[in-house]
């Protein structure tokens, strides 16, 4: 199963970056994103940002993931 997650670009250093979601930060690569900017949302798979994502869509996706995570914690 493949999983891609939305992260906000928090820092950029060349093609290396830090993506963030809910206070969790991850190293990511930006090789496939043209002219990335801090504050943009991207879909990340296997450590690579593979696509830009609009802020509204990213926030909705993050909220849905957090809802699932909350329910899983109850099990």
PDB file of N, CA and C in Angstrom:
ATOM      1  N   UNK A   1       0.842  -1.177   0.000  1.00  0.00           N
ATOM      2  CA  UNK A   1       0.000   0.000   0.000  1.00  0.00           C
ATOM      3  C   UNK A   1       0.884   1.236   0.000  1.00  0.00           C
ATOM      4  N   UNK A   2       0.552   2.190  -0.821  1.00  0.00           N
ATOM      5  CA  UNK A   2       1.302   3.444  -0.896  1.00  0.00           C
ATOM      6  C   UNK A   2       0.537   4.519  -0.147  1.00  0.00           C
ATOM      7  N   UNK A   3       1.277   5.380   0.502  1.00  0.00           N
ATOM      8  CA  UNK A   3       0.660   6.450   1.253  1.00  0.00           C
ATOM      9  C   UNK A   3       1.395   7.744   0.960  1.00  0.00           C
ATOM     10  N   UNK A   4       0.658   8.763   0.606  1.00  0.00           N
ATOM     11  CA  UNK A   4       1.217  10.097   0.417  1.00  0.00           C
ATOM     12  C   UNK A   4       0.501  11.018   1.398  1.00  0.00           C
ATOM     13  N   UNK A   5       1.257  11.917   2.002  1.00  0.00           N
ATOM     14  CA  UNK A   5       0.679  12.784   3.024  1.00  0.00           C
ATOM     15  C   UNK A   5       0.920  14.253   2.691  1.00  0.00           C
ATOM     16  N   UNK A   6       0.004  15.128   3.065  1.00  0.00           N
ATOM     17  CA  UNK A   6       0.220  16.558   2.847  1.00  0.00           C
ATOM     18  C   UNK A   6       1.084  17.139   3.958  1.00  0.00           C
ATOM     19  N   UNK A   7       2.061  17.916   3.566  1.00  0.00           N
ATOM     20  CA  UNK A   7       2.905  18.640   4.518  1.00  0.00           C
ATOM     21  C   UNK A   7       3.063  20.068   4.025  1.00  0.00           C
ATOM     22  N   UNK A   8       3.254  20.989   4.966  1.00  0.00           N
ATOM     23  CA  UNK A   8       3.557  22.365   4.616  1.00  0.00           C
ATOM     24  C   UNK A   8       5.070  22.516   4.593  1.00  0.00           C
ATOM     25  N   UNK A   9       5.590  23.192   3.586  1.00  0.00           N
ATOM     26  CA  UNK A   9       7.022  23.436   3.514  1.00  0.00           C
ATOM     27  C   UNK A   9       7.372  24.488   4.570  1.00  0.00           C
ATOM     28  N   UNK A  10       8.199  24.101   5.541  1.00  0.00           N
ATOM     29  CA  UNK A  10       8.570  25.004   6.632  1.00  0.00           C
ATOM     30  C   UNK A  10       9.938  25.646   6.410  1.00  0.00           C
ATOM     31  N   UNK A  11      10.847  24.925   5.764  1.00  0.00           N
ATOM     32  CA  UNK A  11      12.195  25.428   5.487  1.00  0.00           C
ATOM     33  C   UNK A  11      12.654  24.849   4.161  1.00  0.00           C
ATOM     34  N   UNK A  12      13.482  25.619   3.443  1.00  0.00           N
ATOM     35  CA  UNK A  12      14.035  25.146   2.176  1.00  0.00           C
ATOM     36  C   UNK A  12      15.528  25.421   2.169  1.00  0.00           C
ATOM     37  N   UNK A  13      16.291  24.415   1.734  1.00  0.00           N
ATOM     38  CA  UNK A  13      17.729  24.552   1.545  1.00  0.00           C
ATOM     39  C   UNK A  13      18.074  23.800   0.260  1.00  0.00           C
ATOM     40  N   UNK A  14      17.996  24.488  -0.880  1.00  0.00           N
ATOM     41  CA  UNK A  14      18.196  23.832  -2.171  1.00  0.00           C
ATOM     42  C   UNK A  14      17.033  22.892  -2.439  1.00  0.00           C
ATOM     43  N   UNK A  15      17.333  21.631  -2.734  1.00  0.00           N
ATOM     44  CA  UNK A  15      16.278  20.633  -2.939  1.00  0.00           C
ATOM     45  C   UNK A  15      15.916  19.907  -1.658  1.00  0.00           C
ATOM     46  N   UNK A  16      16.616  20.194  -0.574  1.00  0.00           N
ATOM     47  CA  UNK A  16      16.267  19.645   0.733  1.00  0.00           C
ATOM     48  C   UNK A  16      15.309  20.606   1.426  1.00  0.00           C
ATOM     49  N   UNK A  17      14.391  20.058   2.188  1.00  0.00           N
ATOM     50  CA  UNK A  17      13.433  20.906   2.888  1.00  0.00           C
ATOM     51  C   UNK A  17      12.960  20.211   4.152  1.00  0.00           C
ATOM     52  N   UNK A  18      12.255  20.974   4.954  1.00  0.00           N
ATOM     53  CA  UNK A  18      11.561  20.444   6.122  1.00  0.00           C
ATOM     54  C   UNK A  18      10.075  20.649   5.872  1.00  0.00           C
ATOM     55  N   UNK A  19       9.327  19.541   5.940  1.00  0.00           N
ATOM     56  CA  UNK A  19       7.884  19.598   5.833  1.00  0.00           C
ATOM     57  C   UNK A  19       7.288  19.427   7.217  1.00  0.00           C
ATOM     58  N   UNK A  20       6.158  20.066   7.458  1.00  0.00           N
ATOM     59  CA  UNK A  20       5.569  20.051   8.796  1.00  0.00           C
ATOM     60  C   UNK A  20       4.072  19.777   8.732  1.00  0.00           C
ATOM     61  N   UNK A  21       3.601  19.021   9.715  1.00  0.00           N
ATOM     62  CA  UNK A  21       2.164  18.788   9.894  1.00  0.00           C
ATOM     63  C   UNK A  21       1.903  18.588  11.370  1.00  0.00           C
ATOM     64  N   UNK A  22       1.060  19.401  11.931  1.00  0.00           N
ATOM     65  CA  UNK A  22       0.652  19.270  13.336  1.00  0.00           C
ATOM     66  C   UNK A  22       1.849  19.228  14.278  1.00  0.00           C
ATOM     67  N   UNK A  23       2.854  20.050  13.991  1.00  0.00           N
ATOM     68  CA  UNK A  23       4.025  20.122  14.853  1.00  0.00           C
ATOM     69  C   UNK A  23       5.075  19.051  14.606  1.00  0.00           C
ATOM     70  N   UNK A  24       4.795  18.110  13.720  1.00  0.00           N
ATOM     71  CA  UNK A  24       5.759  17.065  13.385  1.00  0.00           C
ATOM     72  C   UNK A  24       6.504  17.507  12.134  1.00  0.00           C
ATOM     73  N   UNK A  25       7.838  17.461  12.198  1.00  0.00           N
ATOM     74  CA  UNK A  25       8.675  17.920  11.091  1.00  0.00           C
ATOM     75  C   UNK A  25       9.417  16.737  10.490  1.00  0.00           C
ATOM     76  N   UNK A  26       9.510  16.734   9.157  1.00  0.00           N
ATOM     77  CA  UNK A  26      10.176  15.661   8.427  1.00  0.00           C
ATOM     78  C   UNK A  26      11.072  16.259   7.345  1.00  0.00           C
ATOM     79  N   UNK A  27      12.198  15.602   7.110  1.00  0.00           N
ATOM     80  CA  UNK A  27      13.049  15.979   5.989  1.00  0.00           C
ATOM     81  C   UNK A  27      12.376  15.484   4.709  1.00  0.00           C
ATOM     82  N   UNK A  28      12.327  16.351   3.715  1.00  0.00           N
ATOM     83  CA  UNK A  28      11.760  15.973   2.423  1.00  0.00           C
ATOM     84  C   UNK A  28      12.656  16.510   1.314  1.00  0.00           C
ATOM     85  N   UNK A  29      12.445  15.984   0.113  1.00  0.00           N
ATOM     86  CA  UNK A  29      13.151  16.455  -1.069  1.00  0.00           C
ATOM     87  C   UNK A  29      12.161  17.166  -1.982  1.00  0.00           C
ATOM     88  N   UNK A  30      12.659  18.198  -2.670  1.00  0.00           N
ATOM     89  CA  UNK A  30      11.810  19.019  -3.528  1.00  0.00           C
ATOM     90  C   UNK A  30      12.171  18.897  -5.007  1.00  0.00           C
ATOM     91  N   UNK A  31      12.848  17.827  -5.392  1.00  0.00           N
ATOM     92  CA  UNK A  31      13.328  17.668  -6.768  1.00  0.00           C
ATOM     93  C   UNK A  31      12.228  17.797  -7.816  1.00  0.00           C
ATOM     94  N   UNK A  32      11.000  17.415  -7.501  1.00  0.00           N
ATOM     95  CA  UNK A  32       9.921  17.389  -8.483  1.00  0.00           C
ATOM     96  C   UNK A  32       9.011  18.618  -8.424  1.00  0.00           C
ATOM     97  N   UNK A  33       9.318  19.568  -7.558  1.00  0.00           N
ATOM     98  CA  UNK A  33       8.487  20.767  -7.402  1.00  0.00           C
ATOM     99  C   UNK A  33       9.243  21.975  -7.933  1.00  0.00           C
ATOM    100  N   UNK A  34       8.658  22.629  -8.929  1.00  0.00           N
ATOM    101  CA  UNK A  34       9.299  23.799  -9.518  1.00  0.00           C
ATOM    102  C   UNK A  34       9.043  25.037  -8.655  1.00  0.00           C
ATOM    103  N   UNK A  35      10.083  25.761  -8.327  1.00  0.00           N
ATOM    104  CA  UNK A  35      10.008  26.999  -7.542  1.00  0.00           C
ATOM    105  C   UNK A  35       9.197  26.852  -6.254  1.00  0.00           C
ATOM    106  N   UNK A  36       9.576  25.922  -5.386  1.00  0.00           N
ATOM    107  CA  UNK A  36       8.839  25.757  -4.129  1.00  0.00           C
ATOM    108  C   UNK A  36       9.013  26.968  -3.220  1.00  0.00           C
ATOM    109  N   UNK A  37       8.018  27.199  -2.383  1.00  0.00           N
ATOM    110  CA  UNK A  37       8.059  28.332  -1.456  1.00  0.00           C
ATOM    111  C   UNK A  37       7.657  27.877  -0.062  1.00  0.00           C
ATOM    112  N   UNK A  38       8.297  28.465   0.940  1.00  0.00           N
ATOM    113  CA  UNK A  38       7.927  28.209   2.330  1.00  0.00           C
ATOM    114  C   UNK A  38       6.458  28.603   2.500  1.00  0.00           C
ATOM    115  N   UNK A  39       5.711  27.745   3.193  1.00  0.00           N
ATOM    116  CA  UNK A  39       4.289  27.990   3.426  1.00  0.00           C
ATOM    117  C   UNK A  39       3.376  27.250   2.466  1.00  0.00           C
ATOM    118  N   UNK A  40       3.928  26.753   1.354  1.00  0.00           N
ATOM    119  CA  UNK A  40       3.117  25.976   0.414  1.00  0.00           C
ATOM    120  C   UNK A  40       2.914  24.566   0.948  1.00  0.00           C
ATOM    121  N   UNK A  41       1.811  23.964   0.530  1.00  0.00           N
ATOM    122  CA  UNK A  41       1.542  22.571   0.878  1.00  0.00           C
ATOM    123  C   UNK A  41       1.908  21.677  -0.300  1.00  0.00           C
ATOM    124  N   UNK A  42       2.472  20.521   0.029  1.00  0.00           N
ATOM    125  CA  UNK A  42       2.830  19.533  -0.980  1.00  0.00           C
ATOM    126  C   UNK A  42       2.393  18.152  -0.510  1.00  0.00           C
ATOM    127  N   UNK A  43       2.189  17.268  -1.479  1.00  0.00           N
ATOM    128  CA  UNK A  43       1.939  15.864  -1.178  1.00  0.00           C
ATOM    129  C   UNK A  43       3.299  15.182  -1.164  1.00  0.00           C
ATOM    130  N   UNK A  44       3.584  14.430  -0.099  1.00  0.00           N
ATOM    131  CA  UNK A  44       4.886  13.782   0.058  1.00  0.00           C
ATOM    132  C   UNK A  44       4.705  12.267   0.056  1.00  0.00           C
ATOM    133  N   UNK A  45       5.508  11.610  -0.780  1.00  0.00           N
ATOM    134  CA  UNK A  45       5.526  10.154  -0.845  1.00  0.00           C
ATOM    135  C   UNK A  45       6.984   9.703  -0.829  1.00  0.00           C
ATOM    136  N   UNK A  46       7.303   8.789   0.072  1.00  0.00           N
ATOM    137  CA  UNK A  46       8.658   8.231   0.182  1.00  0.00           C
ATOM    138  C   UNK A  46       9.710   9.324   0.339  1.00  0.00           C
ATOM    139  N   UNK A  47       9.337  10.398   1.026  1.00  0.00           N
ATOM    140  CA  UNK A  47      10.291  11.470   1.305  1.00  0.00           C
ATOM    141  C   UNK A  47      10.423  12.515   0.220  1.00  0.00           C
ATOM    142  N   UNK A  48       9.691  12.366  -0.877  1.00  0.00           N
ATOM    143  CA  UNK A  48       9.744  13.311  -1.976  1.00  0.00           C
ATOM    144  C   UNK A  48       8.418  14.041  -2.118  1.00  0.00           C
ATOM    145  N   UNK A  49       8.486  15.369  -2.236  1.00  0.00           N
ATOM    146  CA  UNK A  49       7.302  16.147  -2.564  1.00  0.00           C
ATOM    147  C   UNK A  49       6.995  15.864  -4.029  1.00  0.00           C
ATOM    148  N   UNK A  50       5.784  15.375  -4.302  1.00  0.00           N
ATOM    149  CA  UNK A  50       5.464  14.968  -5.665  1.00  0.00           C
ATOM    150  C   UNK A  50       4.439  15.869  -6.339  1.00  0.00           C
ATOM    151  N   UNK A  51       3.784  16.731  -5.555  1.00  0.00           N
ATOM    152  CA  UNK A  51       2.749  17.583  -6.136  1.00  0.00           C
ATOM    153  C   UNK A  51       2.399  18.698  -5.170  1.00  0.00           C
ATOM    154  N   UNK A  52       2.104  19.881  -5.716  1.00  0.00           N
ATOM    155  CA  UNK A  52       1.583  20.978  -4.897  1.00  0.00           C
ATOM    156  C   UNK A  52       0.133  20.679  -4.539  1.00  0.00           C
ATOM    157  N   UNK A  53      -0.298  21.261  -3.424  1.00  0.00           N
ATOM    158  CA  UNK A  53      -1.667  21.073  -2.965  1.00  0.00           C
ATOM    159  C   UNK A  53      -2.178  22.419  -2.470  1.00  0.00           C
ATOM    160  N   UNK A  54      -3.382  22.783  -2.855  1.00  0.00           N
ATOM    161  CA  UNK A  54      -3.961  24.037  -2.386  1.00  0.00           C
ATOM    162  C   UNK A  54      -4.169  24.010  -0.876  1.00  0.00           C
ATOM    163  N   UNK A  55      -4.100  25.156  -0.243  1.00  0.00           N
ATOM    164  CA  UNK A  55      -4.199  25.243   1.215  1.00  0.00           C
ATOM    165  C   UNK A  55      -5.509  24.658   1.736  1.00  0.00           C
ATOM    166  N   UNK A  56      -6.626  24.968   1.094  1.00  0.00           N
ATOM    167  CA  UNK A  56      -7.921  24.455   1.563  1.00  0.00           C
ATOM    168  C   UNK A  56      -7.979  22.934   1.477  1.00  0.00           C
ATOM    169  N   UNK A  57      -7.519  22.392   0.353  1.00  0.00           N
ATOM    170  CA  UNK A  57      -7.520  20.944   0.179  1.00  0.00           C
ATOM    171  C   UNK A  57      -6.571  20.272   1.179  1.00  0.00           C
ATOM    172  N   UNK A  58      -5.411  20.877   1.398  1.00  0.00           N
ATOM    173  CA  UNK A  58      -4.444  20.325   2.354  1.00  0.00           C
ATOM    174  C   UNK A  58      -5.016  20.330   3.765  1.00  0.00           C
ATOM    175  N   UNK A  59      -5.631  21.424   4.162  1.00  0.00           N
ATOM    176  CA  UNK A  59      -6.190  21.519   5.513  1.00  0.00           C
ATOM    177  C   UNK A  59      -7.323  20.514   5.713  1.00  0.00           C
ATOM    178  N   UNK A  60      -8.150  20.317   4.683  1.00  0.00           N
ATOM    179  CA  UNK A  60      -9.228  19.329   4.780  1.00  0.00           C
ATOM    180  C   UNK A  60      -8.653  17.922   4.899  1.00  0.00           C
ATOM    181  N   UNK A  61      -7.619  17.625   4.140  1.00  0.00           N
ATOM    182  CA  UNK A  61      -6.976  16.314   4.192  1.00  0.00           C
ATOM    183  C   UNK A  61      -6.313  16.074   5.548  1.00  0.00           C
ATOM    184  N   UNK A  62      -5.657  17.081   6.075  1.00  0.00           N
ATOM    185  CA  UNK A  62      -5.012  16.979   7.387  1.00  0.00           C
ATOM    186  C   UNK A  62      -6.064  16.766   8.469  1.00  0.00           C
ATOM    187  N   UNK A  63      -7.169  17.507   8.399  1.00  0.00           N
ATOM    188  CA  UNK A  63      -8.238  17.353   9.396  1.00  0.00           C
ATOM    189  C   UNK A  63      -8.818  15.939   9.344  1.00  0.00           C
ATOM    190  N   UNK A  64      -9.007  15.400   8.147  1.00  0.00           N
ATOM    191  CA  UNK A  64      -9.535  14.041   8.015  1.00  0.00           C
ATOM    192  C   UNK A  64      -8.561  13.015   8.588  1.00  0.00           C
ATOM    193  N   UNK A  65      -7.274  13.194   8.315  1.00  0.00           N
ATOM    194  CA  UNK A  65      -6.259  12.275   8.851  1.00  0.00           C
ATOM    195  C   UNK A  65      -6.221  12.333  10.370  1.00  0.00           C
ATOM    196  N   UNK A  66      -6.327  13.534  10.924  1.00  0.00           N
ATOM    197  CA  UNK A  66      -6.312  13.676  12.385  1.00  0.00           C
ATOM    198  C   UNK A  66      -7.550  13.029  13.011  1.00  0.00           C
ATOM    199  N   UNK A  67      -8.681  13.108  12.325  1.00  0.00           N
ATOM    200  CA  UNK A  67      -9.903  12.469  12.823  1.00  0.00           C
ATOM    201  C   UNK A  67      -9.727  10.941  12.870  1.00  0.00           C
ATOM    202  N   UNK A  68      -9.144  10.385  11.820  1.00  0.00           N
ATOM    203  CA  UNK A  68      -8.884   8.943  11.790  1.00  0.00           C
ATOM    204  C   UNK A  68      -7.899   8.562  12.894  1.00  0.00           C
ATOM    205  N   UNK A  69      -6.841   9.353  13.045  1.00  0.00           N
ATOM    206  CA  UNK A  69      -5.855   9.078  14.100  1.00  0.00           C
ATOM    207  C   UNK A  69      -6.491   9.110  15.477  1.00  0.00           C
ATOM    208  N   UNK A  70      -7.371  10.076  15.724  1.00  0.00           N
ATOM    209  CA  UNK A  70      -8.060  10.163  17.020  1.00  0.00           C
ATOM    210  C   UNK A  70      -8.906   8.917  17.276  1.00  0.00           C
ATOM    211  N   UNK A  71      -9.608   8.448  16.258  1.00  0.00           N
ATOM    212  CA  UNK A  71     -10.444   7.257  16.406  1.00  0.00           C
ATOM    213  C   UNK A  71      -9.574   6.019  16.645  1.00  0.00           C
ATOM    214  N   UNK A  72      -8.449   5.930  15.966  1.00  0.00           N
ATOM    215  CA  UNK A  72      -7.563   4.774  16.172  1.00  0.00           C
ATOM    216  C   UNK A  72      -6.987   4.741  17.579  1.00  0.00           C
ATOM    217  N   UNK A  73      -6.766   5.903  18.173  1.00  0.00           N
ATOM    218  CA  UNK A  73      -6.246   5.963  19.540  1.00  0.00           C
ATOM    219  C   UNK A  73      -7.266   5.408  20.541  1.00  0.00           C
ATOM    220  N   UNK A  74      -8.546   5.445  20.189  1.00  0.00           N
ATOM    221  CA  UNK A  74      -9.596   4.959  21.085  1.00  0.00           C
ATOM    222  C   UNK A  74      -9.683   3.435  21.115  1.00  0.00           C
ATOM    223  N   UNK A  75      -9.085   2.774  20.136  1.00  0.00           N
ATOM    224  CA  UNK A  75      -9.164   1.307  20.064  1.00  0.00           C
ATOM    225  C   UNK A  75      -8.322   0.640  21.127  1.00  0.00           C
TER     226      UNK A  75
END
